[in-house]
Amino acid sequence: MFIIDDILLFPARSLMFIFREIQNAAQQEVANAAESIRVELAELYMMLETGRITEEEFDAREEQLLQLLDKAEIASTDDDDESQGAN
């Protein structure tokens, strides 16, 4: 009887596995995006300190990067909330 159950449930289990892997990949991508933005911010601060850019250029680019970082962190938090709710 257990073999028949396994055979019948195999397609559903396979789909669930695929969906979990897709979700994990998407979460990893969001985390990587946030990290790359942080690296870019650090480089921006370094450019300001070394005088390669002006304060105005720094302020404009920093604002853009901080907005992108906020969006990435919100998306990451939303994904974490959804994955915890599914368990």
PDB file of N, CA and C in Angstrom:
ATOM      1  N   MET A   1       0.814  -1.187   0.000  1.00  0.00           N
ATOM      2  CA  MET A   1       0.000   0.000   0.000  1.00  0.00           C
ATOM      3  C   MET A   1       0.868   1.264   0.000  1.00  0.00           C
ATOM      4  N   PHE A   2       1.976   1.242   0.718  1.00  0.00           N
ATOM      5  CA  PHE A   2       2.842   2.415   0.788  1.00  0.00           C
ATOM      6  C   PHE A   2       3.493   2.717  -0.557  1.00  0.00           C
ATOM      7  N   ILE A   3       3.778   1.701  -1.320  1.00  0.00           N
ATOM      8  CA  ILE A   3       4.379   1.911  -2.631  1.00  0.00           C
ATOM      9  C   ILE A   3       3.393   2.631  -3.547  1.00  0.00           C
ATOM     10  N   ILE A   4       2.138   2.256  -3.488  1.00  0.00           N
ATOM     11  CA  ILE A   4       1.119   2.916  -4.309  1.00  0.00           C
ATOM     12  C   ILE A   4       0.968   4.371  -3.892  1.00  0.00           C
ATOM     13  N   ASP A   5       0.984   4.626  -2.571  1.00  0.00           N
ATOM     14  CA  ASP A   5       0.907   6.010  -2.078  1.00  0.00           C
ATOM     15  C   ASP A   5       2.089   6.827  -2.588  1.00  0.00           C
ATOM     16  N   ASP A   6       3.276   6.252  -2.519  1.00  0.00           N
ATOM     17  CA  ASP A   6       4.469   6.959  -3.002  1.00  0.00           C
ATOM     18  C   ASP A   6       4.368   7.267  -4.488  1.00  0.00           C
ATOM     19  N   ILE A   7       3.877   6.323  -5.255  1.00  0.00           N
ATOM     20  CA  ILE A   7       3.745   6.525  -6.694  1.00  0.00           C
ATOM     21  C   ILE A   7       2.719   7.611  -6.996  1.00  0.00           C
ATOM     22  N   LEU A   8       1.613   7.588  -6.292  1.00  0.00           N
ATOM     23  CA  LEU A   8       0.561   8.575  -6.543  1.00  0.00           C
ATOM     24  C   LEU A   8       0.958   9.978  -6.088  1.00  0.00           C
ATOM     25  N   LEU A   9       1.735  10.086  -5.023  1.00  0.00           N
ATOM     26  CA  LEU A   9       2.117  11.389  -4.486  1.00  0.00           C
ATOM     27  C   LEU A   9       3.404  11.943  -5.099  1.00  0.00           C
ATOM     28  N   PHE A  10       4.090  11.141  -5.890  1.00  0.00           N
ATOM     29  CA  PHE A  10       5.355  11.584  -6.479  1.00  0.00           C
ATOM     30  C   PHE A  10       5.237  12.883  -7.276  1.00  0.00           C
ATOM     31  N   PRO A  11       4.255  13.049  -8.158  1.00  0.00           N
ATOM     32  CA  PRO A  11       4.168  14.316  -8.919  1.00  0.00           C
ATOM     33  C   PRO A  11       3.988  15.539  -8.006  1.00  0.00           C
ATOM     34  N   ALA A  12       3.158  15.420  -7.000  1.00  0.00           N
ATOM     35  CA  ALA A  12       2.929  16.545  -6.088  1.00  0.00           C
ATOM     36  C   ALA A  12       4.197  16.860  -5.295  1.00  0.00           C
ATOM     37  N   ARG A  13       4.868  15.857  -4.819  1.00  0.00           N
ATOM     38  CA  ARG A  13       6.113  16.069  -4.060  1.00  0.00           C
ATOM     39  C   ARG A  13       7.194  16.678  -4.953  1.00  0.00           C
ATOM     40  N   SER A  14       7.247  16.247  -6.187  1.00  0.00           N
ATOM     41  CA  SER A  14       8.232  16.793  -7.123  1.00  0.00           C
ATOM     42  C   SER A  14       7.973  18.269  -7.379  1.00  0.00           C
ATOM     43  N   LEU A  15       6.714  18.629  -7.576  1.00  0.00           N
ATOM     44  CA  LEU A  15       6.373  20.035  -7.791  1.00  0.00           C
ATOM     45  C   LEU A  15       6.712  20.876  -6.568  1.00  0.00           C
ATOM     46  N   MET A  16       6.420  20.380  -5.395  1.00  0.00           N
ATOM     47  CA  MET A  16       6.742  21.118  -4.172  1.00  0.00           C
ATOM     48  C   MET A  16       8.253  21.324  -4.052  1.00  0.00           C
ATOM     49  N   PHE A  17       9.026  20.304  -4.392  1.00  0.00           N
ATOM     50  CA  PHE A  17      10.478  20.422  -4.359  1.00  0.00           C
ATOM     51  C   PHE A  17      10.950  21.505  -5.322  1.00  0.00           C
ATOM     52  N   ILE A  18      10.395  21.499  -6.525  1.00  0.00           N
ATOM     53  CA  ILE A  18      10.780  22.493  -7.533  1.00  0.00           C
ATOM     54  C   ILE A  18      10.424  23.898  -7.061  1.00  0.00           C
ATOM     55  N   PHE A  19       9.229  24.070  -6.511  1.00  0.00           N
ATOM     56  CA  PHE A  19       8.811  25.386  -6.031  1.00  0.00           C
ATOM     57  C   PHE A  19       9.699  25.874  -4.890  1.00  0.00           C
ATOM     58  N   ARG A  20      10.084  24.975  -3.992  1.00  0.00           N
ATOM     59  CA  ARG A  20      10.991  25.368  -2.895  1.00  0.00           C
ATOM     60  C   ARG A  20      12.346  25.800  -3.429  1.00  0.00           C
ATOM     61  N   GLU A  21      12.851  25.092  -4.424  1.00  0.00           N
ATOM     62  CA  GLU A  21      14.144  25.456  -5.009  1.00  0.00           C
ATOM     63  C   GLU A  21      14.080  26.811  -5.713  1.00  0.00           C
ATOM     64  N   ILE A  22      12.985  27.072  -6.404  1.00  0.00           N
ATOM     65  CA  ILE A  22      12.813  28.372  -7.057  1.00  0.00           C
ATOM     66  C   ILE A  22      12.760  29.481  -6.018  1.00  0.00           C
ATOM     67  N   GLN A  23      12.033  29.257  -4.935  1.00  0.00           N
ATOM     68  CA  GLN A  23      11.948  30.252  -3.870  1.00  0.00           C
ATOM     69  C   GLN A  23      13.320  30.497  -3.235  1.00  0.00           C
ATOM     70  N   ASN A  24      14.063  29.448  -2.986  1.00  0.00           N
ATOM     71  CA  ASN A  24      15.404  29.600  -2.415  1.00  0.00           C
ATOM     72  C   ASN A  24      16.323  30.378  -3.344  1.00  0.00           C
ATOM     73  N   ALA A  25      16.231  30.111  -4.633  1.00  0.00           N
ATOM     74  CA  ALA A  25      17.057  30.828  -5.604  1.00  0.00           C
ATOM     75  C   ALA A  25      16.692  32.307  -5.638  1.00  0.00           C
ATOM     76  N   ALA A  26      15.402  32.601  -5.579  1.00  0.00           N
ATOM     77  CA  ALA A  26      14.956  34.004  -5.587  1.00  0.00           C
ATOM     78  C   ALA A  26      15.422  34.729  -4.326  1.00  0.00           C
ATOM     79  N   GLN A  27      15.340  34.077  -3.174  1.00  0.00           N
ATOM     80  CA  GLN A  27      15.810  34.688  -1.929  1.00  0.00           C
ATOM     81  C   GLN A  27      17.309  34.939  -1.985  1.00  0.00           C
ATOM     82  N   GLN A  28      18.042  34.014  -2.530  1.00  0.00           N
ATOM     83  CA  GLN A  28      19.493  34.179  -2.648  1.00  0.00           C
ATOM     84  C   GLN A  28      19.836  35.340  -3.575  1.00  0.00           C
ATOM     85  N   GLU A  29      19.077  35.476  -4.649  1.00  0.00           N
ATOM     86  CA  GLU A  29      19.309  36.563  -5.587  1.00  0.00           C
ATOM     87  C   GLU A  29      19.063  37.917  -4.933  1.00  0.00           C
ATOM     88  N   VAL A  30      18.009  38.020  -4.132  1.00  0.00           N
ATOM     89  CA  VAL A  30      17.711  39.271  -3.429  1.00  0.00           C
ATOM     90  C   VAL A  30      18.816  39.580  -2.428  1.00  0.00           C
ATOM     91  N   ALA A  31      19.288  38.569  -1.721  1.00  0.00           N
ATOM     92  CA  ALA A  31      20.367  38.774  -0.751  1.00  0.00           C
ATOM     93  C   ALA A  31      21.648  39.229  -1.455  1.00  0.00           C
ATOM     94  N   ASN A  32      21.929  38.643  -2.600  1.00  0.00           N
ATOM     95  CA  ASN A  32      23.119  39.043  -3.359  1.00  0.00           C
ATOM     96  C   ASN A  32      22.991  40.471  -3.877  1.00  0.00           C
ATOM     97  N   ALA A  33      21.792  40.859  -4.283  1.00  0.00           N
ATOM     98  CA  ALA A  33      21.572  42.226  -4.763  1.00  0.00           C
ATOM     99  C   ALA A  33      21.820  43.225  -3.640  1.00  0.00           C
ATOM    100  N   ALA A  34      21.318  42.938  -2.454  1.00  0.00           N
ATOM    101  CA  ALA A  34      21.519  43.833  -1.315  1.00  0.00           C
ATOM    102  C   ALA A  34      23.003  43.945  -0.975  1.00  0.00           C
ATOM    103  N   GLU A  35      23.701  42.839  -1.029  1.00  0.00           N
ATOM    104  CA  GLU A  35      25.133  42.862  -0.707  1.00  0.00           C
ATOM    105  C   GLU A  35      25.915  43.673  -1.742  1.00  0.00           C
ATOM    106  N   SER A  36      25.567  43.535  -3.016  1.00  0.00           N
ATOM    107  CA  SER A  36      26.281  44.291  -4.050  1.00  0.00           C
ATOM    108  C   SER A  36      26.016  45.790  -3.907  1.00  0.00           C
ATOM    109  N   ILE A  37      24.826  46.147  -3.463  1.00  0.00           N
ATOM    110  CA  ILE A  37      24.522  47.571  -3.227  1.00  0.00           C
ATOM    111  C   ILE A  37      25.362  48.090  -2.070  1.00  0.00           C
ATOM    112  N   ARG A  38      25.519  47.291  -1.025  1.00  0.00           N
ATOM    113  CA  ARG A  38      26.355  47.702   0.114  1.00  0.00           C
ATOM    114  C   ARG A  38      27.811  47.905  -0.312  1.00  0.00           C
ATOM    115  N   VAL A  39      28.296  47.028  -1.170  1.00  0.00           N
ATOM    116  CA  VAL A  39      29.665  47.156  -1.680  1.00  0.00           C
ATOM    117  C   VAL A  39      29.800  48.439  -2.495  1.00  0.00           C
ATOM    118  N   GLU A  40      28.799  48.710  -3.321  1.00  0.00           N
ATOM    119  CA  GLU A  40      28.828  49.923  -4.133  1.00  0.00           C
ATOM    120  C   GLU A  40      28.785  51.175  -3.252  1.00  0.00           C
ATOM    121  N   LEU A  41      28.025  51.129  -2.162  1.00  0.00           N
ATOM    122  CA  LEU A  41      28.005  52.257  -1.217  1.00  0.00           C
ATOM    123  C   LEU A  41      29.377  52.468  -0.588  1.00  0.00           C
ATOM    124  N   ALA A  42      30.030  51.381  -0.214  1.00  0.00           N
ATOM    125  CA  ALA A  42      31.362  51.493   0.379  1.00  0.00           C
ATOM    126  C   ALA A  42      32.342  52.117  -0.621  1.00  0.00           C
ATOM    127  N   GLU A  43      32.249  51.699  -1.881  1.00  0.00           N
ATOM    128  CA  GLU A  43      33.111  52.275  -2.915  1.00  0.00           C
ATOM    129  C   GLU A  43      32.799  53.758  -3.114  1.00  0.00           C
ATOM    130  N   LEU A  44      31.540  54.106  -3.014  1.00  0.00           N
ATOM    131  CA  LEU A  44      31.125  55.501  -3.169  1.00  0.00           C
ATOM    132  C   LEU A  44      31.711  56.362  -2.053  1.00  0.00           C
ATOM    133  N   TYR A  45      31.660  55.856  -0.814  1.00  0.00           N
ATOM    134  CA  TYR A  45      32.258  56.582   0.314  1.00  0.00           C
ATOM    135  C   TYR A  45      33.761  56.765   0.109  1.00  0.00           C
ATOM    136  N   MET A  46      34.400  55.724  -0.406  1.00  0.00           N
ATOM    137  CA  MET A  46      35.835  55.784  -0.651  1.00  0.00           C
ATOM    138  C   MET A  46      36.156  56.826  -1.719  1.00  0.00           C
ATOM    139  N   MET A  47      35.335  56.876  -2.767  1.00  0.00           N
ATOM    140  CA  MET A  47      35.548  57.857  -3.829  1.00  0.00           C
ATOM    141  C   MET A  47      35.393  59.279  -3.294  1.00  0.00           C
ATOM    142  N   LEU A  48      34.448  59.474  -2.378  1.00  0.00           N
ATOM    143  CA  LEU A  48      34.265  60.802  -1.788  1.00  0.00           C
ATOM    144  C   LEU A  48      35.472  61.177  -0.934  1.00  0.00           C
ATOM    145  N   GLU A  49      35.939  60.239  -0.129  1.00  0.00           N
ATOM    146  CA  GLU A  49      37.074  60.506   0.752  1.00  0.00           C
ATOM    147  C   GLU A  49      38.357  60.791  -0.031  1.00  0.00           C
ATOM    148  N   THR A  50      38.506  60.166  -1.178  1.00  0.00           N
ATOM    149  CA  THR A  50      39.721  60.383  -1.968  1.00  0.00           C
ATOM    150  C   THR A  50      39.593  61.558  -2.926  1.00  0.00           C
ATOM    151  N   GLY A  51      38.398  62.172  -2.963  1.00  0.00           N
ATOM    152  CA  GLY A  51      38.210  63.349  -3.787  1.00  0.00           C
ATOM    153  C   GLY A  51      37.926  63.062  -5.248  1.00  0.00           C
ATOM    154  N   ARG A  52      37.592  61.831  -5.587  1.00  0.00           N
ATOM    155  CA  ARG A  52      37.310  61.487  -6.983  1.00  0.00           C
ATOM    156  C   ARG A  52      35.934  61.955  -7.430  1.00  0.00           C
ATOM    157  N   ILE A  53      35.032  62.216  -6.460  1.00  0.00           N
ATOM    158  CA  ILE A  53      33.713  62.755  -6.778  1.00  0.00           C
ATOM    159  C   ILE A  53      33.407  63.908  -5.824  1.00  0.00           C
ATOM    160  N   THR A  54      32.464  64.745  -6.218  1.00  0.00           N
ATOM    161  CA  THR A  54      32.084  65.885  -5.380  1.00  0.00           C
ATOM    162  C   THR A  54      30.987  65.468  -4.403  1.00  0.00           C
ATOM    163  N   GLU A  55      30.726  66.326  -3.440  1.00  0.00           N
ATOM    164  CA  GLU A  55      29.660  66.075  -2.461  1.00  0.00           C
ATOM    165  C   GLU A  55      28.307  65.918  -3.153  1.00  0.00           C
ATOM    166  N   GLU A  56      28.057  66.747  -4.170  1.00  0.00           N
ATOM    167  CA  GLU A  56      26.779  66.703  -4.861  1.00  0.00           C
ATOM    168  C   GLU A  56      26.600  65.377  -5.598  1.00  0.00           C
ATOM    169  N   GLU A  57      27.654  64.933  -6.268  1.00  0.00           N
ATOM    170  CA  GLU A  57      27.591  63.644  -6.960  1.00  0.00           C
ATOM    171  C   GLU A  57      27.394  62.515  -5.952  1.00  0.00           C
ATOM    172  N   PHE A  58      28.104  62.627  -4.842  1.00  0.00           N
ATOM    173  CA  PHE A  58      27.986  61.624  -3.794  1.00  0.00           C
ATOM    174  C   PHE A  58      26.561  61.561  -3.265  1.00  0.00           C
ATOM    175  N   ASP A  59      25.990  62.719  -2.927  1.00  0.00           N
ATOM    176  CA  ASP A  59      24.641  62.762  -2.362  1.00  0.00           C
ATOM    177  C   ASP A  59      23.603  62.170  -3.314  1.00  0.00           C
ATOM    178  N   ALA A  60      23.709  62.510  -4.584  1.00  0.00           N
ATOM    179  CA  ALA A  60      22.746  62.007  -5.568  1.00  0.00           C
ATOM    180  C   ALA A  60      22.844  60.488  -5.696  1.00  0.00           C
ATOM    181  N   ARG A  61      24.051  59.992  -5.842  1.00  0.00           N
ATOM    182  CA  ARG A  61      24.238  58.540  -6.014  1.00  0.00           C
ATOM    183  C   ARG A  61      23.912  57.778  -4.733  1.00  0.00           C
ATOM    184  N   GLU A  62      24.264  58.359  -3.586  1.00  0.00           N
ATOM    185  CA  GLU A  62      23.973  57.703  -2.309  1.00  0.00           C
ATOM    186  C   GLU A  62      22.470  57.538  -2.123  1.00  0.00           C
ATOM    187  N   GLU A  63      21.724  58.580  -2.458  1.00  0.00           N
ATOM    188  CA  GLU A  63      20.264  58.511  -2.320  1.00  0.00           C
ATOM    189  C   GLU A  63      19.688  57.387  -3.183  1.00  0.00           C
ATOM    190  N   GLN A  64      20.176  57.273  -4.412  1.00  0.00           N
ATOM    191  CA  GLN A  64      19.708  56.211  -5.302  1.00  0.00           C
ATOM    192  C   GLN A  64      20.024  54.832  -4.718  1.00  0.00           C
ATOM    193  N   LEU A  65      21.254  54.674  -4.256  1.00  0.00           N
ATOM    194  CA  LEU A  65      21.667  53.373  -3.718  1.00  0.00           C
ATOM    195  C   LEU A  65      20.907  53.014  -2.452  1.00  0.00           C
ATOM    196  N   LEU A  66      20.674  53.990  -1.589  1.00  0.00           N
ATOM    197  CA  LEU A  66      19.932  53.712  -0.364  1.00  0.00           C
ATOM    198  C   LEU A  66      18.484  53.331  -0.659  1.00  0.00           C
ATOM    199  N   GLN A  67      17.886  53.950  -1.659  1.00  0.00           N
ATOM    200  CA  GLN A  67      16.532  53.569  -2.057  1.00  0.00           C
ATOM    201  C   GLN A  67      16.505  52.140  -2.598  1.00  0.00           C
ATOM    202  N   LEU A  68      17.486  51.803  -3.423  1.00  0.00           N
ATOM    203  CA  LEU A  68      17.577  50.437  -3.943  1.00  0.00           C
ATOM    204  C   LEU A  68      17.787  49.429  -2.820  1.00  0.00           C
ATOM    205  N   LEU A  69      18.621  49.792  -1.855  1.00  0.00           N
ATOM    206  CA  LEU A  69      18.886  48.905  -0.726  1.00  0.00           C
ATOM    207  C   LEU A  69      17.624  48.700   0.103  1.00  0.00           C
ATOM    208  N   ASP A  70      16.883  49.766   0.340  1.00  0.00           N
ATOM    209  CA  ASP A  70      15.629  49.640   1.077  1.00  0.00           C
ATOM    210  C   ASP A  70      14.666  48.694   0.366  1.00  0.00           C
ATOM    211  N   LYS A  71      14.541  48.843  -0.941  1.00  0.00           N
ATOM    212  CA  LYS A  71      13.653  47.976  -1.716  1.00  0.00           C
ATOM    213  C   LYS A  71      14.105  46.518  -1.635  1.00  0.00           C
ATOM    214  N   ALA A  72      15.415  46.305  -1.733  1.00  0.00           N
ATOM    215  CA  ALA A  72      15.938  44.937  -1.678  1.00  0.00           C
ATOM    216  C   ALA A  72      15.706  44.325  -0.304  1.00  0.00           C
ATOM    217  N   GLU A  73      15.895  45.106   0.752  1.00  0.00           N
ATOM    218  CA  GLU A  73      15.689  44.581   2.103  1.00  0.00           C
ATOM    219  C   GLU A  73      14.215  44.329   2.378  1.00  0.00           C
ATOM    220  N   ILE A  74      13.342  45.185   1.868  1.00  0.00           N
ATOM    221  CA  ILE A  74      11.905  44.963   2.025  1.00  0.00           C
ATOM    222  C   ILE A  74      11.496  43.685   1.294  1.00  0.00           C
ATOM    223  N   ALA A  75      12.009  43.508   0.093  1.00  0.00           N
ATOM    224  CA  ALA A  75      11.704  42.293  -0.666  1.00  0.00           C
ATOM    225  C   ALA A  75      12.218  41.059   0.059  1.00  0.00           C
ATOM    226  N   SER A  76      13.393  41.163   0.646  1.00  0.00           N
ATOM    227  CA  SER A  76      13.960  40.046   1.394  1.00  0.00           C
ATOM    228  C   SER A  76      13.116  39.740   2.621  1.00  0.00           C
ATOM    229  N   THR A  77      12.670  40.763   3.317  1.00  0.00           N
ATOM    230  CA  THR A  77      11.834  40.575   4.502  1.00  0.00           C
ATOM    231  C   THR A  77      10.498  39.968   4.116  1.00  0.00           C
ATOM    232  N   ASP A  78       9.904  40.430   3.018  1.00  0.00           N
ATOM    233  CA  ASP A  78       8.633  39.880   2.549  1.00  0.00           C
ATOM    234  C   ASP A  78       8.788  38.407   2.196  1.00  0.00           C
ATOM    235  N   ASP A  79       9.881  38.045   1.539  1.00  0.00           N
ATOM    236  CA  ASP A  79      10.126  36.649   1.181  1.00  0.00           C
ATOM    237  C   ASP A  79      10.295  35.792   2.427  1.00  0.00           C
ATOM    238  N   ASP A  80      10.995  36.308   3.435  1.00  0.00           N
ATOM    239  CA  ASP A  80      11.179  35.568   4.678  1.00  0.00           C
ATOM    240  C   ASP A  80       9.848  35.356   5.387  1.00  0.00           C
ATOM    241  N   ASP A  81       9.013  36.387   5.411  1.00  0.00           N
ATOM    242  CA  ASP A  81       7.696  36.266   6.045  1.00  0.00           C
ATOM    243  C   ASP A  81       6.836  35.221   5.341  1.00  0.00           C
ATOM    244  N   GLU A  82       6.866  35.224   4.007  1.00  0.00           N
ATOM    245  CA  GLU A  82       6.083  34.262   3.248  1.00  0.00           C
ATOM    246  C   GLU A  82       6.579  32.840   3.461  1.00  0.00           C
ATOM    247  N   SER A  83       7.885  32.667   3.518  1.00  0.00           N
ATOM    248  CA  SER A  83       8.415  31.315   3.688  1.00  0.00           C
ATOM    249  C   SER A  83       8.138  30.792   5.087  1.00  0.00           C
ATOM    250  N   GLN A  84       8.126  31.653   6.090  1.00  0.00           N
ATOM    251  CA  GLN A  84       7.806  31.219   7.442  1.00  0.00           C
ATOM    252  C   GLN A  84       6.325  30.907   7.576  1.00  0.00           C
ATOM    253  N   GLY A  85       5.495  31.646   6.863  1.00  0.00           N
ATOM    254  CA  GLY A  85       4.058  31.397   6.896  1.00  0.00           C
ATOM    255  C   GLY A  85       3.674  30.097   6.215  1.00  0.00           C
ATOM    256  N   ALA A  86       4.472  29.679   5.246  1.00  0.00           N
ATOM    257  CA  ALA A  86       4.190  28.453   4.514  1.00  0.00           C
ATOM    258  C   ALA A  86       4.540  27.213   5.308  1.00  0.00           C
ATOM    259  N   ASN A  87       5.422  27.343   6.287  1.00  0.00           N
ATOM    260  CA  ASN A  87       5.846  26.166   7.069  1.00  0.00           C
ATOM    261  C   ASN A  87       4.873  25.834   8.116  1.00  0.00           C
TER     262      ASN A  87
END
